[in-house]
PDB file of N, CA and C in Angstrom:
ATOM      1  N   MET A   1       4.526  21.809  67.970  1.00  0.00           N
ATOM      2  CA  MET A   1       4.192  21.305  66.654  1.00  0.00           C
ATOM      3  C   MET A   1       5.287  20.372  66.128  1.00  0.00           C
ATOM      4  N   PHE A   2       6.532  20.713  66.411  1.00  0.00           N
ATOM      5  CA  PHE A   2       7.644  19.890  65.947  1.00  0.00           C
ATOM      6  C   PHE A   2       7.558  18.475  66.516  1.00  0.00           C
ATOM      7  N   VAL A   3       7.200  18.380  67.800  1.00  0.00           N
ATOM      8  CA  VAL A   3       7.134  17.073  68.454  1.00  0.00           C
ATOM      9  C   VAL A   3       6.060  16.202  67.801  1.00  0.00           C
ATOM     10  N   ALA A   4       4.925  16.790  67.471  1.00  0.00           N
ATOM     11  CA  ALA A   4       3.846  16.036  66.830  1.00  0.00           C
ATOM     12  C   ALA A   4       4.278  15.516  65.462  1.00  0.00           C
ATOM     13  N   HIS A   5       4.953  16.346  64.681  1.00  0.00           N
ATOM     14  CA  HIS A   5       5.436  15.912  63.360  1.00  0.00           C
ATOM     15  C   HIS A   5       6.492  14.816  63.499  1.00  0.00           C
ATOM     16  N   LEU A   6       7.364  14.976  64.475  1.00  0.00           N
ATOM     17  CA  LEU A   6       8.395  13.965  64.711  1.00  0.00           C
ATOM     18  C   LEU A   6       7.761  12.635  65.116  1.00  0.00           C
ATOM     19  N   GLN A   7       6.793  12.692  66.022  1.00  0.00           N
ATOM     20  CA  GLN A   7       6.108  11.475  66.449  1.00  0.00           C
ATOM     21  C   GLN A   7       5.398  10.814  65.265  1.00  0.00           C
ATOM     22  N   HIS A   8       4.779  11.615  64.424  1.00  0.00           N
ATOM     23  CA  HIS A   8       4.085  11.098  63.245  1.00  0.00           C
ATOM     24  C   HIS A   8       5.057  10.363  62.326  1.00  0.00           C
ATOM     25  N   LYS A   9       6.204  10.954  62.081  1.00  0.00           N
ATOM     26  CA  LYS A   9       7.203  10.327  61.203  1.00  0.00           C
ATOM     27  C   LYS A   9       7.761   9.046  61.813  1.00  0.00           C
ATOM     28  N   ILE A  10       8.009   9.068  63.118  1.00  0.00           N
ATOM     29  CA  ILE A  10       8.535   7.872  63.781  1.00  0.00           C
ATOM     30  C   ILE A  10       7.522   6.735  63.715  1.00  0.00           C
ATOM     31  N   LEU A  11       6.239   7.041  63.913  1.00  0.00           N
ATOM     32  CA  LEU A  11       5.206   6.011  63.814  1.00  0.00           C
ATOM     33  C   LEU A  11       5.082   5.481  62.386  1.00  0.00           C
ATOM     34  N   ASP A  12       5.243   6.350  61.393  1.00  0.00           N
ATOM     35  CA  ASP A  12       5.239   5.900  59.997  1.00  0.00           C
ATOM     36  C   ASP A  12       6.390   4.933  59.729  1.00  0.00           C
ATOM     37  N   ILE A  13       7.563   5.271  60.225  1.00  0.00           N
ATOM     38  CA  ILE A  13       8.737   4.411  60.039  1.00  0.00           C
ATOM     39  C   ILE A  13       8.537   3.078  60.752  1.00  0.00           C
ATOM     40  N   TYR A  14       7.995   3.126  61.959  1.00  0.00           N
ATOM     41  CA  TYR A  14       7.733   1.900  62.717  1.00  0.00           C
ATOM     42  C   TYR A  14       6.751   0.996  61.967  1.00  0.00           C
ATOM     43  N   ALA A  15       5.695   1.585  61.422  1.00  0.00           N
ATOM     44  CA  ALA A  15       4.703   0.809  60.666  1.00  0.00           C
ATOM     45  C   ALA A  15       5.336   0.173  59.431  1.00  0.00           C
ATOM     46  N   LEU A  16       6.179   0.916  58.740  1.00  0.00           N
ATOM     47  CA  LEU A  16       6.849   0.376  57.560  1.00  0.00           C
ATOM     48  C   LEU A  16       7.768  -0.786  57.938  1.00  0.00           C
ATOM     49  N   LEU A  17       8.498  -0.651  59.032  1.00  0.00           N
ATOM     50  CA  LEU A  17       9.378  -1.734  59.476  1.00  0.00           C
ATOM     51  C   LEU A  17       8.581  -2.978  59.876  1.00  0.00           C
ATOM     52  N   GLU A  18       7.447  -2.787  60.540  1.00  0.00           N
ATOM     53  CA  GLU A  18       6.574  -3.917  60.889  1.00  0.00           C
ATOM     54  C   GLU A  18       6.076  -4.608  59.620  1.00  0.00           C
ATOM     55  N   TYR A  19       5.687  -3.818  58.631  1.00  0.00           N
ATOM     56  CA  TYR A  19       5.206  -4.374  57.365  1.00  0.00           C
ATOM     57  C   TYR A  19       6.301  -5.197  56.694  1.00  0.00           C
ATOM     58  N   ILE A  20       7.506  -4.643  56.621  1.00  0.00           N
ATOM     59  CA  ILE A  20       8.615  -5.331  55.957  1.00  0.00           C
ATOM     60  C   ILE A  20       8.985  -6.619  56.691  1.00  0.00           C
ATOM     61  N   GLU A  21       8.966  -6.575  58.021  1.00  0.00           N
ATOM     62  CA  GLU A  21       9.394  -7.736  58.804  1.00  0.00           C
ATOM     63  C   GLU A  21       8.335  -8.835  58.883  1.00  0.00           C
ATOM     64  N   TYR A  22       7.062  -8.470  59.007  1.00  0.00           N
ATOM     65  CA  TYR A  22       6.025  -9.473  59.267  1.00  0.00           C
ATOM     66  C   TYR A  22       5.078  -9.716  58.095  1.00  0.00           C
ATOM     67  N   VAL A  23       4.564  -8.661  57.492  1.00  0.00           N
ATOM     68  CA  VAL A  23       3.504  -8.821  56.495  1.00  0.00           C
ATOM     69  C   VAL A  23       4.057  -9.184  55.123  1.00  0.00           C
ATOM     70  N   TYR A  24       5.048  -8.463  54.654  1.00  0.00           N
ATOM     71  CA  TYR A  24       5.565  -8.668  53.303  1.00  0.00           C
ATOM     72  C   TYR A  24       5.989 -10.117  53.038  1.00  0.00           C
ATOM     73  N   PRO A  25       6.739 -10.760  53.950  1.00  0.00           N
ATOM     74  CA  PRO A  25       7.095 -12.170  53.692  1.00  0.00           C
ATOM     75  C   PRO A  25       5.872 -13.080  53.579  1.00  0.00           C
ATOM     76  N   LEU A  26       4.814 -12.780  54.342  1.00  0.00           N
ATOM     77  CA  LEU A  26       3.601 -13.599  54.274  1.00  0.00           C
ATOM     78  C   LEU A  26       2.822 -13.346  52.989  1.00  0.00           C
ATOM     79  N   LEU A  27       2.968 -12.168  52.413  1.00  0.00           N
ATOM     80  CA  LEU A  27       2.321 -11.895  51.132  1.00  0.00           C
ATOM     81  C   LEU A  27       3.053 -12.597  49.994  1.00  0.00           C
ATOM     82  N   LEU A  28       4.373 -12.748  50.131  1.00  0.00           N
ATOM     83  CA  LEU A  28       5.153 -13.455  49.112  1.00  0.00           C
ATOM     84  C   LEU A  28       4.910 -14.960  49.167  1.00  0.00           C
ATOM     85  N   ASN A  29       4.818 -15.513  50.372  1.00  0.00           N
ATOM     86  CA  ASN A  29       4.582 -16.947  50.585  1.00  0.00           C
ATOM     87  C   ASN A  29       3.392 -17.104  51.526  1.00  0.00           C
ATOM     88  N   PRO A  30       2.171 -17.009  51.000  1.00  0.00           N
ATOM     89  CA  PRO A  30       0.992 -17.046  51.869  1.00  0.00           C
ATOM     90  C   PRO A  30       0.841 -18.381  52.591  1.00  0.00           C
ATOM     91  N   PRO A  31       0.418 -18.328  53.850  1.00  0.00           N
ATOM     92  CA  PRO A  31       0.168 -19.573  54.581  1.00  0.00           C
ATOM     93  C   PRO A  31      -1.074 -20.275  54.041  1.00  0.00           C
ATOM     94  N   SER A  32      -1.195 -21.569  54.318  1.00  0.00           N
ATOM     95  CA  SER A  32      -2.337 -22.332  53.809  1.00  0.00           C
ATOM     96  C   SER A  32      -3.619 -22.041  54.582  1.00  0.00           C
ATOM     97  N   CYS A  33      -3.478 -21.569  55.820  1.00  0.00           N
ATOM     98  CA  CYS A  33      -4.663 -21.171  56.590  1.00  0.00           C
ATOM     99  C   CYS A  33      -4.398 -19.797  57.206  1.00  0.00           C
ATOM    100  N   PRO A  34      -5.443 -19.022  57.460  1.00  0.00           N
ATOM    101  CA  PRO A  34      -5.258 -17.661  57.978  1.00  0.00           C
ATOM    102  C   PRO A  34      -4.572 -17.650  59.342  1.00  0.00           C
ATOM    103  N   LEU A  35      -3.739 -16.644  59.543  1.00  0.00           N
ATOM    104  CA  LEU A  35      -3.085 -16.458  60.834  1.00  0.00           C
ATOM    105  C   LEU A  35      -4.007 -15.672  61.760  1.00  0.00           C
ATOM    106  N   GLN A  36      -3.753 -15.772  63.052  1.00  0.00           N
ATOM    107  CA  GLN A  36      -4.490 -14.977  64.033  1.00  0.00           C
ATOM    108  C   GLN A  36      -4.192 -13.499  63.772  1.00  0.00           C
ATOM    109  N   ALA A  37      -5.226 -12.673  63.766  1.00  0.00           N
ATOM    110  CA  ALA A  37      -5.031 -11.239  63.519  1.00  0.00           C
ATOM    111  C   ALA A  37      -4.209 -10.624  64.645  1.00  0.00           C
ATOM    112  N   ASN A  38      -3.285  -9.761  64.279  1.00  0.00           N
ATOM    113  CA  ASN A  38      -2.446  -9.073  65.250  1.00  0.00           C
ATOM    114  C   ASN A  38      -3.259  -7.945  65.880  1.00  0.00           C
ATOM    115  N   SER A  39      -3.563  -8.065  67.158  1.00  0.00           N
ATOM    116  CA  SER A  39      -4.423  -7.084  67.830  1.00  0.00           C
ATOM    117  C   SER A  39      -3.718  -5.767  68.126  1.00  0.00           C
ATOM    118  N   THR A  40      -2.403  -5.700  67.925  1.00  0.00           N
ATOM    119  CA  THR A  40      -1.698  -4.439  68.164  1.00  0.00           C
ATOM    120  C   THR A  40      -1.673  -3.553  66.923  1.00  0.00           C
ATOM    121  N   TRP A  41      -2.098  -4.082  65.784  1.00  0.00           N
ATOM    122  CA  TRP A  41      -2.131  -3.303  64.543  1.00  0.00           C
ATOM    123  C   TRP A  41      -3.503  -2.690  64.349  1.00  0.00           C
ATOM    124  N   MET A  42      -3.537  -1.503  63.768  1.00  0.00           N
ATOM    125  CA  MET A  42      -4.810  -0.858  63.458  1.00  0.00           C
ATOM    126  C   MET A  42      -5.489  -1.531  62.282  1.00  0.00           C
ATOM    127  N   GLY A  43      -4.710  -2.077  61.378  1.00  0.00           N
ATOM    128  CA  GLY A  43      -5.269  -2.709  60.192  1.00  0.00           C
ATOM    129  C   GLY A  43      -5.429  -1.716  59.061  1.00  0.00           C
ATOM    130  N   CYS A  44      -6.249  -2.087  58.076  1.00  0.00           N
ATOM    131  CA  CYS A  44      -6.404  -1.218  56.916  1.00  0.00           C
ATOM    132  C   CYS A  44      -7.771  -1.405  56.271  1.00  0.00           C
ATOM    133  N   PHE A  45      -8.152  -0.407  55.504  1.00  0.00           N
ATOM    134  CA  PHE A  45      -9.373  -0.449  54.713  1.00  0.00           C
ATOM    135  C   PHE A  45      -8.985  -0.792  53.282  1.00  0.00           C
ATOM    136  N   VAL A  46      -9.689  -1.738  52.678  1.00  0.00           N
ATOM    137  CA  VAL A  46      -9.389  -2.136  51.304  1.00  0.00           C
ATOM    138  C   VAL A  46     -10.669  -2.202  50.489  1.00  0.00           C
ATOM    139  N   ARG A  47     -10.523  -2.079  49.173  1.00  0.00           N
ATOM    140  CA  ARG A  47     -11.657  -2.177  48.265  1.00  0.00           C
ATOM    141  C   ARG A  47     -11.620  -3.460  47.435  1.00  0.00           C
ATOM    142  N   ALA A  48     -10.449  -3.973  47.153  1.00  0.00           N
ATOM    143  CA  ALA A  48     -10.302  -5.163  46.304  1.00  0.00           C
ATOM    144  C   ALA A  48     -10.366  -6.432  47.156  1.00  0.00           C
ATOM    145  N   THR A  49     -11.197  -7.379  46.737  1.00  0.00           N
ATOM    146  CA  THR A  49     -11.334  -8.621  47.497  1.00  0.00           C
ATOM    147  C   THR A  49     -10.050  -9.454  47.478  1.00  0.00           C
ATOM    148  N   GLU A  50      -9.263  -9.343  46.406  1.00  0.00           N
ATOM    149  CA  GLU A  50      -7.997 -10.083  46.341  1.00  0.00           C
ATOM    150  C   GLU A  50      -7.025  -9.571  47.402  1.00  0.00           C
ATOM    151  N   VAL A  51      -6.958  -8.256  47.552  1.00  0.00           N
ATOM    152  CA  VAL A  51      -6.087  -7.653  48.568  1.00  0.00           C
ATOM    153  C   VAL A  51      -6.603  -8.013  49.957  1.00  0.00           C
ATOM    154  N   CYS A  52      -7.908  -7.984  50.110  1.00  0.00           N
ATOM    155  CA  CYS A  52      -8.540  -8.338  51.382  1.00  0.00           C
ATOM    156  C   CYS A  52      -8.156  -9.755  51.796  1.00  0.00           C
ATOM    157  N   GLU A  53      -8.250 -10.686  50.872  1.00  0.00           N
ATOM    158  CA  GLU A  53      -7.933 -12.081  51.171  1.00  0.00           C
ATOM    159  C   GLU A  53      -6.456 -12.258  51.512  1.00  0.00           C
ATOM    160  N   ALA A  54      -5.580 -11.605  50.760  1.00  0.00           N
ATOM    161  CA  ALA A  54      -4.141 -11.734  51.011  1.00  0.00           C
ATOM    162  C   ALA A  54      -3.780 -11.200  52.397  1.00  0.00           C
ATOM    163  N   LEU A  55      -4.321 -10.043  52.753  1.00  0.00           N
ATOM    164  CA  LEU A  55      -4.027  -9.466  54.064  1.00  0.00           C
ATOM    165  C   LEU A  55      -4.660 -10.284  55.188  1.00  0.00           C
ATOM    166  N   TYR A  56      -5.835 -10.832  54.934  1.00  0.00           N
ATOM    167  CA  TYR A  56      -6.503 -11.689  55.919  1.00  0.00           C
ATOM    168  C   TYR A  56      -5.641 -12.910  56.247  1.00  0.00           C
ATOM    169  N   PHE A  57      -5.100 -13.556  55.229  1.00  0.00           N
ATOM    170  CA  PHE A  57      -4.253 -14.726  55.446  1.00  0.00           C
ATOM    171  C   PHE A  57      -2.943 -14.351  56.134  1.00  0.00           C
ATOM    172  N   ALA A  58      -2.512 -13.093  55.987  1.00  0.00           N
ATOM    173  CA  ALA A  58      -1.283 -12.631  56.632  1.00  0.00           C
ATOM    174  C   ALA A  58      -1.518 -12.189  58.076  1.00  0.00           C
ATOM    175  N   GLY A  59      -2.772 -12.204  58.534  1.00  0.00           N
ATOM    176  CA  GLY A  59      -3.068 -11.836  59.917  1.00  0.00           C
ATOM    177  C   GLY A  59      -3.240 -10.350  60.149  1.00  0.00           C
ATOM    178  N   VAL A  60      -3.496  -9.601  59.084  1.00  0.00           N
ATOM    179  CA  VAL A  60      -3.694  -8.155  59.205  1.00  0.00           C
ATOM    180  C   VAL A  60      -5.183  -7.878  59.414  1.00  0.00           C
ATOM    181  N   PRO A  61      -5.556  -7.091  60.431  1.00  0.00           N
ATOM    182  CA  PRO A  61      -6.960  -6.708  60.574  1.00  0.00           C
ATOM    183  C   PRO A  61      -7.387  -5.871  59.359  1.00  0.00           C
ATOM    184  N   ILE A  62      -8.523  -6.203  58.768  1.00  0.00           N
ATOM    185  CA  ILE A  62      -8.953  -5.513  57.544  1.00  0.00           C
ATOM    186  C   ILE A  62     -10.429  -5.173  57.599  1.00  0.00           C
ATOM    187  N   TRP A  63     -10.776  -4.137  56.857  1.00  0.00           N
ATOM    188  CA  TRP A  63     -12.158  -3.740  56.649  1.00  0.00           C
ATOM    189  C   TRP A  63     -12.357  -3.624  55.149  1.00  0.00           C
ATOM    190  N   LEU A  64     -13.257  -4.433  54.624  1.00  0.00           N
ATOM    191  CA  LEU A  64     -13.534  -4.419  53.189  1.00  0.00           C
ATOM    192  C   LEU A  64     -14.620  -3.387  52.914  1.00  0.00           C
ATOM    193  N   VAL A  65     -14.277  -2.375  52.130  1.00  0.00           N
ATOM    194  CA  VAL A  65     -15.230  -1.332  51.747  1.00  0.00           C
ATOM    195  C   VAL A  65     -15.772  -1.721  50.388  1.00  0.00           C
ATOM    196  N   HIS A  66     -17.018  -2.177  50.373  1.00  0.00           N
ATOM    197  CA  HIS A  66     -17.576  -2.738  49.150  1.00  0.00           C
ATOM    198  C   HIS A  66     -19.087  -2.666  49.200  1.00  0.00           C
ATOM    199  N   SER A  67     -19.710  -2.613  48.043  1.00  0.00           N
ATOM    200  CA  SER A  67     -21.163  -2.747  47.985  1.00  0.00           C
ATOM    201  C   SER A  67     -21.520  -4.188  48.314  1.00  0.00           C
ATOM    202  N   LYS A  68     -22.594  -4.374  49.023  1.00  0.00           N
ATOM    203  CA  LYS A  68     -22.989  -5.711  49.462  1.00  0.00           C
ATOM    204  C   LYS A  68     -23.200  -6.665  48.289  1.00  0.00           C
ATOM    205  N   GLU A  69     -23.651  -6.140  47.165  1.00  0.00           N
ATOM    206  CA  GLU A  69     -23.930  -6.978  45.997  1.00  0.00           C
ATOM    207  C   GLU A  69     -22.675  -7.629  45.422  1.00  0.00           C
ATOM    208  N   TYR A  70     -21.518  -7.031  45.646  1.00  0.00           N
ATOM    209  CA  TYR A  70     -20.278  -7.534  45.052  1.00  0.00           C
ATOM    210  C   TYR A  70     -19.475  -8.430  45.988  1.00  0.00           C
ATOM    211  N   ILE A  71     -19.954  -8.670  47.176  1.00  0.00           N
ATOM    212  CA  ILE A  71     -19.231  -9.521  48.119  1.00  0.00           C
ATOM    213  C   ILE A  71     -19.585 -10.980  47.837  1.00  0.00           C
ATOM    214  N   PRO A  72     -18.577 -11.840  47.629  1.00  0.00           N
ATOM    215  CA  PRO A  72     -18.853 -13.248  47.341  1.00  0.00           C
ATOM    216  C   PRO A  72     -19.586 -13.923  48.501  1.00  0.00           C
ATOM    217  N   LEU A  73     -20.433 -14.871  48.187  1.00  0.00           N
ATOM    218  CA  LEU A  73     -21.191 -15.581  49.220  1.00  0.00           C
ATOM    219  C   LEU A  73     -20.285 -16.404  50.130  1.00  0.00           C
ATOM    220  N   THR A  74     -19.101 -16.737  49.648  1.00  0.00           N
ATOM    221  CA  THR A  74     -18.167 -17.548  50.436  1.00  0.00           C
ATOM    222  C   THR A  74     -17.388 -16.725  51.460  1.00  0.00           C
ATOM    223  N   MET A  75     -17.484 -15.392  51.406  1.00  0.00           N
ATOM    224  CA  MET A  75     -16.719 -14.547  52.322  1.00  0.00           C
ATOM    225  C   MET A  75     -17.383 -14.535  53.696  1.00  0.00           C
ATOM    226  N   ASN A  76     -16.568 -14.695  54.724  1.00  0.00           N
ATOM    227  CA  ASN A  76     -17.050 -14.680  56.100  1.00  0.00           C
ATOM    228  C   ASN A  76     -17.176 -13.233  56.565  1.00  0.00           C
ATOM    229  N   ILE A  77     -18.388 -12.761  56.782  1.00  0.00           N
ATOM    230  CA  ILE A  77     -18.630 -11.393  57.243  1.00  0.00           C
ATOM    231  C   ILE A  77     -18.986 -11.461  58.719  1.00  0.00           C
ATOM    232  N   VAL A  78     -18.118 -10.908  59.557  1.00  0.00           N
ATOM    233  CA  VAL A  78     -18.345 -10.931  60.992  1.00  0.00           C
ATOM    234  C   VAL A  78     -19.400  -9.904  61.370  1.00  0.00           C
ATOM    235  N   HIS A  79     -19.271  -8.687  60.833  1.00  0.00           N
ATOM    236  CA  HIS A  79     -20.218  -7.626  61.164  1.00  0.00           C
ATOM    237  C   HIS A  79     -20.283  -6.637  60.009  1.00  0.00           C
ATOM    238  N   SER A  80     -21.458  -6.413  59.498  1.00  0.00           N
ATOM    239  CA  SER A  80     -21.646  -5.450  58.411  1.00  0.00           C
ATOM    240  C   SER A  80     -21.923  -4.078  59.004  1.00  0.00           C
ATOM    241  N   VAL A  81     -21.269  -3.058  58.463  1.00  0.00           N
ATOM    242  CA  VAL A  81     -21.445  -1.691  58.972  1.00  0.00           C
ATOM    243  C   VAL A  81     -22.122  -0.852  57.924  1.00  0.00           C
TER     244      VAL A  81
END
């Protein structure tokens, strides 16, 4: 059990360091066009379209959890679940 908890904490720390090094600077100074999504990241689920757009431009894989009626027509939906 100790090993599992230790591994969990180490992965949490690794994720935080990745966020600080790669994502946070891109959120402060967003690029003009979206970056290629990092395929080694699991990504995140979001509800706010503003957060979704910011993470999308930073190259973070995202899943927007939203009612279909509230999704803007300009949003590119690859696959609806």
